[in-house]
């Protein structure tokens, strides 16, 4: 089995741990690949929808590893017992949904060693949730697949200092390690803010005007970061 670039990048963040839960597993490609590659010994593949769950069961059955991958129907981390796995992977959802899943299963979460998240949107709010709930961001990655850039956030338990709003958007480890795709990431963020600012131009509302000023300040900060990287768009 071959994984796409996004799932392969997630697989690379499992670390030295031997068990994991894949939440929103879809076809269970990730846990099956990890088992077959000898990177883990046991996995839980969970999904809230019966269609993807049946697909996951087929993948596990065809790989003949039913004794190593438990496929379960349920919402979020409720498919896992406290202490059953060391790592939780929650990928392909919005940041607010990932935060809700983590918030909804505190006993499971406090027994995890590592969380690997791949938010489709709302990465900043997810980082903020992690940092204010006893987790530190130990690694981050960017990966391109099908002309889209995906963010991967890896957290472990610990206390961390608060980050400013812009670093929550960018990703502290992405900035610290000057990820090769960081310029593209910053340009994308800048473009998103410019689009929002342009949409607000014609409004006469004072509230919208103040919000636009905040956005313009963020654009200026992003441009300063790009200049620091010696990138001029």
C-alpha atoms as a PDB file:
ATOM      1  CA  UNK A   1       0.000   0.000   0.000  1.00  0.00           C
ATOM      2  CA  UNK A   2       1.257   3.468  -0.917  1.00  0.00           C
ATOM      3  CA  UNK A   3       0.154   6.573   0.942  1.00  0.00           C
ATOM      4  CA  UNK A   4      -0.348   9.978  -0.626  1.00  0.00           C
ATOM      5  CA  UNK A   5       1.898  12.854   0.396  1.00  0.00           C
ATOM      6  CA  UNK A   6      -0.490  14.139   3.085  1.00  0.00           C
ATOM      7  CA  UNK A   7      -0.992  10.813   4.866  1.00  0.00           C
ATOM      8  CA  UNK A   8       2.696   9.949   4.522  1.00  0.00           C
ATOM      9  CA  UNK A   9       3.634  13.231   6.211  1.00  0.00           C
ATOM     10  CA  UNK A  10       1.203  12.436   9.037  1.00  0.00           C
ATOM     11  CA  UNK A  11       2.640   8.920   9.353  1.00  0.00           C
ATOM     12  CA  UNK A  12       6.101  10.429   9.757  1.00  0.00           C
ATOM     13  CA  UNK A  13       4.925  12.237  12.907  1.00  0.00           C
ATOM     14  CA  UNK A  14       3.796   9.186  14.896  1.00  0.00           C
ATOM     15  CA  UNK A  15       7.164   9.060  16.648  1.00  0.00           C
ATOM     16  CA  UNK A  16       8.473   6.147  18.724  1.00  0.00           C
ATOM     17  CA  UNK A  17       5.060   5.096  19.999  1.00  0.00           C
ATOM     18  CA  UNK A  18       3.510   1.687  19.400  1.00  0.00           C
ATOM     19  CA  UNK A  19      -0.235   2.356  19.357  1.00  0.00           C
ATOM     20  CA  UNK A  20      -2.460   4.975  17.758  1.00  0.00           C
ATOM     21  CA  UNK A  21      -6.039   5.959  17.072  1.00  0.00           C
ATOM     22  CA  UNK A  22      -7.019   7.345  13.685  1.00  0.00           C
ATOM     23  CA  UNK A  23     -10.103   9.497  14.194  1.00  0.00           C
ATOM     24  CA  UNK A  24     -12.140  10.038  11.045  1.00  0.00           C
ATOM     25  CA  UNK A  25     -10.251   7.135   9.522  1.00  0.00           C
ATOM     26  CA  UNK A  26     -12.227   6.908   6.262  1.00  0.00           C
ATOM     27  CA  UNK A  27     -10.615   3.885   4.513  1.00  0.00           C
ATOM     28  CA  UNK A  28      -8.157   3.179   7.372  1.00  0.00           C
ATOM     29  CA  UNK A  29      -5.224   3.574   4.991  1.00  0.00           C
ATOM     30  CA  UNK A  30      -3.075   5.282   7.637  1.00  0.00           C
ATOM     31  CA  UNK A  31      -3.319   2.701  10.461  1.00  0.00           C
ATOM     32  CA  UNK A  32      -3.023  -0.201   8.015  1.00  0.00           C
ATOM     33  CA  UNK A  33       0.119   1.300   6.463  1.00  0.00           C
ATOM     34  CA  UNK A  34       1.631   1.937   9.898  1.00  0.00           C
ATOM     35  CA  UNK A  35       0.992  -1.669  10.951  1.00  0.00           C
ATOM     36  CA  UNK A  36       2.307  -3.115   7.698  1.00  0.00           C
ATOM     37  CA  UNK A  37       5.417  -0.926   7.913  1.00  0.00           C
ATOM     38  CA  UNK A  38       6.152  -2.157  11.427  1.00  0.00           C
ATOM     39  CA  UNK A  39       5.958   1.358  12.879  1.00  0.00           C
ATOM     40  CA  UNK A  40       3.197   0.494  15.363  1.00  0.00           C
ATOM     41  CA  UNK A  41       1.804  -2.681  16.902  1.00  0.00           C
ATOM     42  CA  UNK A  42      -1.864  -1.783  17.395  1.00  0.00           C
ATOM     43  CA  UNK A  43      -4.408   0.758  16.192  1.00  0.00           C
ATOM     44  CA  UNK A  44      -7.987   1.898  16.553  1.00  0.00           C
ATOM     45  CA  UNK A  45      -9.670   3.162  13.386  1.00  0.00           C
ATOM     46  CA  UNK A  46     -12.741   5.222  14.226  1.00  0.00           C
ATOM     47  CA  UNK A  47     -15.350   6.996  12.147  1.00  0.00           C
ATOM     48  CA  UNK A  48     -18.729   8.514  12.879  1.00  0.00           C
ATOM     49  CA  UNK A  49     -20.203   7.465   9.521  1.00  0.00           C
ATOM     50  CA  UNK A  50     -21.114   3.908   8.551  1.00  0.00           C
ATOM     51  CA  UNK A  51     -20.018   4.239   4.898  1.00  0.00           C
ATOM     52  CA  UNK A  52     -16.371   5.078   5.642  1.00  0.00           C
ATOM     53  CA  UNK A  53     -16.400   2.546   8.479  1.00  0.00           C
ATOM     54  CA  UNK A  54     -17.373  -0.265   6.117  1.00  0.00           C
ATOM     55  CA  UNK A  55     -14.592   0.832   3.759  1.00  0.00           C
ATOM     56  CA  UNK A  56     -12.168   0.744   6.696  1.00  0.00           C
ATOM     57  CA  UNK A  57     -13.278  -2.772   7.608  1.00  0.00           C
ATOM     58  CA  UNK A  58     -12.612  -3.922   4.032  1.00  0.00           C
ATOM     59  CA  UNK A  59      -9.129  -2.390   4.037  1.00  0.00           C
ATOM     60  CA  UNK A  60      -8.260  -4.067   7.341  1.00  0.00           C
ATOM     61  CA  UNK A  61      -9.755  -7.398   6.269  1.00  0.00           C
ATOM     62  CA  UNK A  62      -7.895  -7.400   2.940  1.00  0.00           C
ATOM     63  CA  UNK A  63      -4.651  -6.690   4.812  1.00  0.00           C
ATOM     64  CA  UNK A  64      -5.424  -9.623   7.160  1.00  0.00           C
ATOM     65  CA  UNK A  65      -4.657  -7.570  10.271  1.00  0.00           C
ATOM     66  CA  UNK A  66      -8.027  -7.634  12.054  1.00  0.00           C
ATOM     67  CA  UNK A  67      -6.172  -8.687  15.210  1.00  0.00           C
ATOM     68  CA  UNK A  68      -4.137  -5.454  15.166  1.00  0.00           C
ATOM     69  CA  UNK A  69      -6.593  -2.793  13.964  1.00  0.00           C
ATOM     70  CA  UNK A  70      -9.907  -2.379  15.791  1.00  0.00           C
ATOM     71  CA  UNK A  71     -12.467  -0.640  13.558  1.00  0.00           C
ATOM     72  CA  UNK A  72     -15.121   1.185  15.585  1.00  0.00           C
ATOM     73  CA  UNK A  73     -18.153   3.343  14.896  1.00  0.00           C
ATOM     74  CA  UNK A  74     -18.411   6.433  17.079  1.00  0.00           C
ATOM     75  CA  UNK A  75     -17.920  10.148  17.532  1.00  0.00           C
ATOM     76  CA  UNK A  76     -14.359  11.343  17.930  1.00  0.00           C
ATOM     77  CA  UNK A  77     -12.231   9.887  20.706  1.00  0.00           C
ATOM     78  CA  UNK A  78     -15.235   8.189  22.273  1.00  0.00           C
ATOM     79  CA  UNK A  79     -14.210   5.095  20.303  1.00  0.00           C
ATOM     80  CA  UNK A  80     -11.083   4.858  22.490  1.00  0.00           C
ATOM     81  CA  UNK A  81     -10.723   3.881  26.153  1.00  0.00           C
ATOM     82  CA  UNK A  82      -8.418   5.942  28.406  1.00  0.00           C
ATOM     83  CA  UNK A  83      -4.863   4.606  28.114  1.00  0.00           C
ATOM     84  CA  UNK A  84      -5.684   2.338  25.169  1.00  0.00           C
ATOM     85  CA  UNK A  85      -3.471   4.217  22.689  1.00  0.00           C
ATOM     86  CA  UNK A  86      -0.460   6.508  22.943  1.00  0.00           C
ATOM     87  CA  UNK A  87      -1.079   8.681  19.880  1.00  0.00           C
ATOM     88  CA  UNK A  88      -4.242  10.192  18.427  1.00  0.00           C
ATOM     89  CA  UNK A  89      -4.353  11.327  14.813  1.00  0.00           C
ATOM     90  CA  UNK A  90      -7.193  13.688  13.918  1.00  0.00           C
ATOM     91  CA  UNK A  91      -6.904  14.779  10.306  1.00  0.00           C
ATOM     92  CA  UNK A  92      -9.003  16.245   7.531  1.00  0.00           C
ATOM     93  CA  UNK A  93     -11.374  18.269   9.738  1.00  0.00           C
ATOM     94  CA  UNK A  94     -11.722  21.909  10.698  1.00  0.00           C
ATOM     95  CA  UNK A  95      -9.671  23.170  13.625  1.00  0.00           C
ATOM     96  CA  UNK A  96     -12.783  23.897  15.688  1.00  0.00           C
ATOM     97  CA  UNK A  97     -14.039  20.340  15.131  1.00  0.00           C
ATOM     98  CA  UNK A  98     -10.683  18.901  16.214  1.00  0.00           C
ATOM     99  CA  UNK A  99     -10.736  21.092  19.333  1.00  0.00           C
ATOM    100  CA  UNK A 100     -14.270  19.907  20.123  1.00  0.00           C
ATOM    101  CA  UNK A 101     -13.231  16.267  19.767  1.00  0.00           C
ATOM    102  CA  UNK A 102     -10.328  16.788  22.163  1.00  0.00           C
ATOM    103  CA  UNK A 103     -12.467  18.779  24.602  1.00  0.00           C
ATOM    104  CA  UNK A 104     -15.175  16.105  24.614  1.00  0.00           C
ATOM    105  CA  UNK A 105     -12.936  13.255  25.806  1.00  0.00           C
ATOM    106  CA  UNK A 106     -10.742  14.630  28.621  1.00  0.00           C
ATOM    107  CA  UNK A 107      -9.983  11.242  30.208  1.00  0.00           C
ATOM    108  CA  UNK A 108      -8.740   9.843  26.910  1.00  0.00           C
ATOM    109  CA  UNK A 109      -6.793  12.989  26.039  1.00  0.00           C
ATOM    110  CA  UNK A 110      -4.930  13.201  29.344  1.00  0.00           C
ATOM    111  CA  UNK A 111      -3.636   9.649  28.803  1.00  0.00           C
ATOM    112  CA  UNK A 112      -2.278  10.375  25.321  1.00  0.00           C
ATOM    113  CA  UNK A 113       1.435  10.864  24.755  1.00  0.00           C
ATOM    114  CA  UNK A 114       1.085  12.685  21.442  1.00  0.00           C
ATOM    115  CA  UNK A 115      -1.583  14.307  19.277  1.00  0.00           C
ATOM    116  CA  UNK A 116      -1.106  14.697  15.522  1.00  0.00           C
ATOM    117  CA  UNK A 117      -3.575  17.081  13.883  1.00  0.00           C
ATOM    118  CA  UNK A 118      -4.096  18.090  10.274  1.00  0.00           C
ATOM    119  CA  UNK A 119      -6.707  20.846  10.260  1.00  0.00           C
ATOM    120  CA  UNK A 120      -8.317  21.855   6.981  1.00  0.00           C
ATOM    121  CA  UNK A 121      -9.181  25.277   8.408  1.00  0.00           C
ATOM    122  CA  UNK A 122      -8.820  27.087  11.724  1.00  0.00           C
ATOM    123  CA  UNK A 123      -5.242  26.048  12.480  1.00  0.00           C
ATOM    124  CA  UNK A 124      -4.680  29.144  14.648  1.00  0.00           C
ATOM    125  CA  UNK A 125      -7.629  28.414  16.942  1.00  0.00           C
ATOM    126  CA  UNK A 126      -6.517  24.780  17.246  1.00  0.00           C
ATOM    127  CA  UNK A 127      -2.996  25.829  18.238  1.00  0.00           C
ATOM    128  CA  UNK A 128      -4.480  28.179  20.821  1.00  0.00           C
ATOM    129  CA  UNK A 129      -6.644  25.384  22.250  1.00  0.00           C
ATOM    130  CA  UNK A 130      -3.663  23.054  22.558  1.00  0.00           C
ATOM    131  CA  UNK A 131      -1.467  25.660  24.254  1.00  0.00           C
ATOM    132  CA  UNK A 132      -4.152  26.638  26.761  1.00  0.00           C
ATOM    133  CA  UNK A 133      -5.052  23.044  27.627  1.00  0.00           C
ATOM    134  CA  UNK A 134      -1.741  21.599  28.733  1.00  0.00           C
ATOM    135  CA  UNK A 135      -0.082  20.796  25.412  1.00  0.00           C
ATOM    136  CA  UNK A 136       3.024  22.118  23.683  1.00  0.00           C
ATOM    137  CA  UNK A 137       3.612  22.145  19.944  1.00  0.00           C
ATOM    138  CA  UNK A 138       6.738  20.051  19.384  1.00  0.00           C
ATOM    139  CA  UNK A 139       6.726  19.817  15.593  1.00  0.00           C
ATOM    140  CA  UNK A 140       4.894  21.091  12.540  1.00  0.00           C
ATOM    141  CA  UNK A 141       5.003  20.275   8.870  1.00  0.00           C
ATOM    142  CA  UNK A 142       3.687  21.575   5.580  1.00  0.00           C
ATOM    143  CA  UNK A 143       2.971  19.231   2.699  1.00  0.00           C
ATOM    144  CA  UNK A 144       1.632  19.853  -0.778  1.00  0.00           C
ATOM    145  CA  UNK A 145      -0.801  17.418  -2.366  1.00  0.00           C
ATOM    146  CA  UNK A 146      -3.026  18.047  -5.397  1.00  0.00           C
ATOM    147  CA  UNK A 147      -2.074  21.746  -5.506  1.00  0.00           C
ATOM    148  CA  UNK A 148      -3.113  22.296  -1.889  1.00  0.00           C
ATOM    149  CA  UNK A 149      -0.901  23.043   1.090  1.00  0.00           C
ATOM    150  CA  UNK A 150      -1.712  21.134   4.287  1.00  0.00           C
ATOM    151  CA  UNK A 151      -0.593  21.983   7.829  1.00  0.00           C
ATOM    152  CA  UNK A 152       0.324  19.253  10.314  1.00  0.00           C
ATOM    153  CA  UNK A 153       0.557  20.077  14.024  1.00  0.00           C
ATOM    154  CA  UNK A 154       2.187  17.724  16.543  1.00  0.00           C
ATOM    155  CA  UNK A 155       1.644  18.255  20.273  1.00  0.00           C
ATOM    156  CA  UNK A 156       2.788  16.594  23.483  1.00  0.00           C
ATOM    157  CA  UNK A 157       1.830  17.284  27.069  1.00  0.00           C
ATOM    158  CA  UNK A 158       3.567  20.181  28.791  1.00  0.00           C
ATOM    159  CA  UNK A 159       3.270  23.854  29.642  1.00  0.00           C
ATOM    160  CA  UNK A 160       3.973  26.504  27.040  1.00  0.00           C
ATOM    161  CA  UNK A 161       4.147  30.267  26.862  1.00  0.00           C
ATOM    162  CA  UNK A 162       1.370  32.091  25.070  1.00  0.00           C
ATOM    163  CA  UNK A 163       2.031  32.975  21.440  1.00  0.00           C
ATOM    164  CA  UNK A 164       1.102  36.166  19.655  1.00  0.00           C
ATOM    165  CA  UNK A 165      -1.785  35.989  17.200  1.00  0.00           C
ATOM    166  CA  UNK A 166       0.416  35.987  14.106  1.00  0.00           C
ATOM    167  CA  UNK A 167       2.553  33.046  15.246  1.00  0.00           C
ATOM    168  CA  UNK A 168      -0.638  31.134  15.998  1.00  0.00           C
ATOM    169  CA  UNK A 169      -1.580  31.712  12.355  1.00  0.00           C
ATOM    170  CA  UNK A 170       1.832  30.874  10.918  1.00  0.00           C
ATOM    171  CA  UNK A 171       2.811  28.023  13.217  1.00  0.00           C
ATOM    172  CA  UNK A 172       5.621  28.486  15.760  1.00  0.00           C
ATOM    173  CA  UNK A 173       7.642  25.449  14.676  1.00  0.00           C
ATOM    174  CA  UNK A 174       7.194  26.251  10.987  1.00  0.00           C
ATOM    175  CA  UNK A 175       8.648  29.706  11.629  1.00  0.00           C
ATOM    176  CA  UNK A 176      11.369  28.545  14.023  1.00  0.00           C
ATOM    177  CA  UNK A 177      12.637  25.880  11.636  1.00  0.00           C
ATOM    178  CA  UNK A 178      12.140  27.959   8.479  1.00  0.00           C
ATOM    179  CA  UNK A 179      10.219  25.189   6.737  1.00  0.00           C
ATOM    180  CA  UNK A 180      10.998  25.031   2.985  1.00  0.00           C
ATOM    181  CA  UNK A 181       7.333  25.717   2.174  1.00  0.00           C
ATOM    182  CA  UNK A 182       7.076  28.564   4.703  1.00  0.00           C
ATOM    183  CA  UNK A 183       7.242  31.366   2.086  1.00  0.00           C
ATOM    184  CA  UNK A 184       4.369  29.791   0.160  1.00  0.00           C
ATOM    185  CA  UNK A 185       2.441  29.410   3.424  1.00  0.00           C
ATOM    186  CA  UNK A 186       2.937  33.087   4.335  1.00  0.00           C
ATOM    187  CA  UNK A 187       1.998  34.273   0.856  1.00  0.00           C
ATOM    188  CA  UNK A 188      -1.177  32.195   1.034  1.00  0.00           C
ATOM    189  CA  UNK A 189      -2.100  33.708   4.415  1.00  0.00           C
ATOM    190  CA  UNK A 190      -1.385  37.198   3.097  1.00  0.00           C
ATOM    191  CA  UNK A 191      -3.572  36.562   0.046  1.00  0.00           C
ATOM    192  CA  UNK A 192      -6.446  35.370   2.251  1.00  0.00           C
ATOM    193  CA  UNK A 193      -6.259  38.516   4.378  1.00  0.00           C
ATOM    194  CA  UNK A 194      -6.071  40.751   1.303  1.00  0.00           C
ATOM    195  CA  UNK A 195      -9.210  39.099  -0.040  1.00  0.00           C
ATOM    196  CA  UNK A 196     -11.029  39.773   3.238  1.00  0.00           C
ATOM    197  CA  UNK A 197      -9.812  43.370   3.363  1.00  0.00           C
ATOM    198  CA  UNK A 198     -10.926  44.006  -0.224  1.00  0.00           C
ATOM    199  CA  UNK A 199     -14.391  42.640   0.538  1.00  0.00           C
ATOM    200  CA  UNK A 200     -14.709  45.178   3.383  1.00  0.00           C
ATOM    201  CA  UNK A 201     -13.630  48.253   1.419  1.00  0.00           C
ATOM    202  CA  UNK A 202     -17.091  49.529   0.517  1.00  0.00           C
ATOM    203  CA  UNK A 203     -18.629  49.093   3.953  1.00  0.00           C
ATOM    204  CA  UNK A 204     -19.415  52.273   5.902  1.00  0.00           C
ATOM    205  CA  UNK A 205     -19.785  50.445   9.202  1.00  0.00           C
ATOM    206  CA  UNK A 206     -17.392  51.609  11.923  1.00  0.00           C
ATOM    207  CA  UNK A 207     -17.193  48.046  13.234  1.00  0.00           C
ATOM    208  CA  UNK A 208     -16.211  46.701   9.816  1.00  0.00           C
ATOM    209  CA  UNK A 209     -13.737  49.551   9.451  1.00  0.00           C
ATOM    210  CA  UNK A 210     -12.028  48.633  12.710  1.00  0.00           C
ATOM    211  CA  UNK A 211     -11.913  44.982  11.701  1.00  0.00           C
ATOM    212  CA  UNK A 212     -10.387  45.940   8.365  1.00  0.00           C
ATOM    213  CA  UNK A 213      -7.681  47.917  10.145  1.00  0.00           C
ATOM    214  CA  UNK A 214      -6.780  44.833  12.180  1.00  0.00           C
ATOM    215  CA  UNK A 215      -6.566  42.803   8.991  1.00  0.00           C
ATOM    216  CA  UNK A 216      -4.356  45.419   7.330  1.00  0.00           C
ATOM    217  CA  UNK A 217      -2.052  45.285  10.363  1.00  0.00           C
ATOM    218  CA  UNK A 218      -1.780  41.509   9.979  1.00  0.00           C
ATOM    219  CA  UNK A 219      -0.984  41.927   6.291  1.00  0.00           C
ATOM    220  CA  UNK A 220       1.813  44.334   7.204  1.00  0.00           C
ATOM    221  CA  UNK A 221       3.170  41.839   9.757  1.00  0.00           C
ATOM    222  CA  UNK A 222       3.106  39.041   7.185  1.00  0.00           C
ATOM    223  CA  UNK A 223       4.929  41.254   4.700  1.00  0.00           C
ATOM    224  CA  UNK A 224       7.574  41.923   7.352  1.00  0.00           C
ATOM    225  CA  UNK A 225       7.967  38.167   7.898  1.00  0.00           C
ATOM    226  CA  UNK A 226       8.316  37.626   4.156  1.00  0.00           C
ATOM    227  CA  UNK A 227      10.925  40.375   4.007  1.00  0.00           C
ATOM    228  CA  UNK A 228      12.759  38.638   6.841  1.00  0.00           C
ATOM    229  CA  UNK A 229      12.841  35.539   4.639  1.00  0.00           C
ATOM    230  CA  UNK A 230      13.966  37.770   1.749  1.00  0.00           C
ATOM    231  CA  UNK A 231      10.822  36.937  -0.200  1.00  0.00           C
ATOM    232  CA  UNK A 232       9.145  39.740  -2.141  1.00  0.00           C
ATOM    233  CA  UNK A 233       5.892  39.039  -3.932  1.00  0.00           C
END
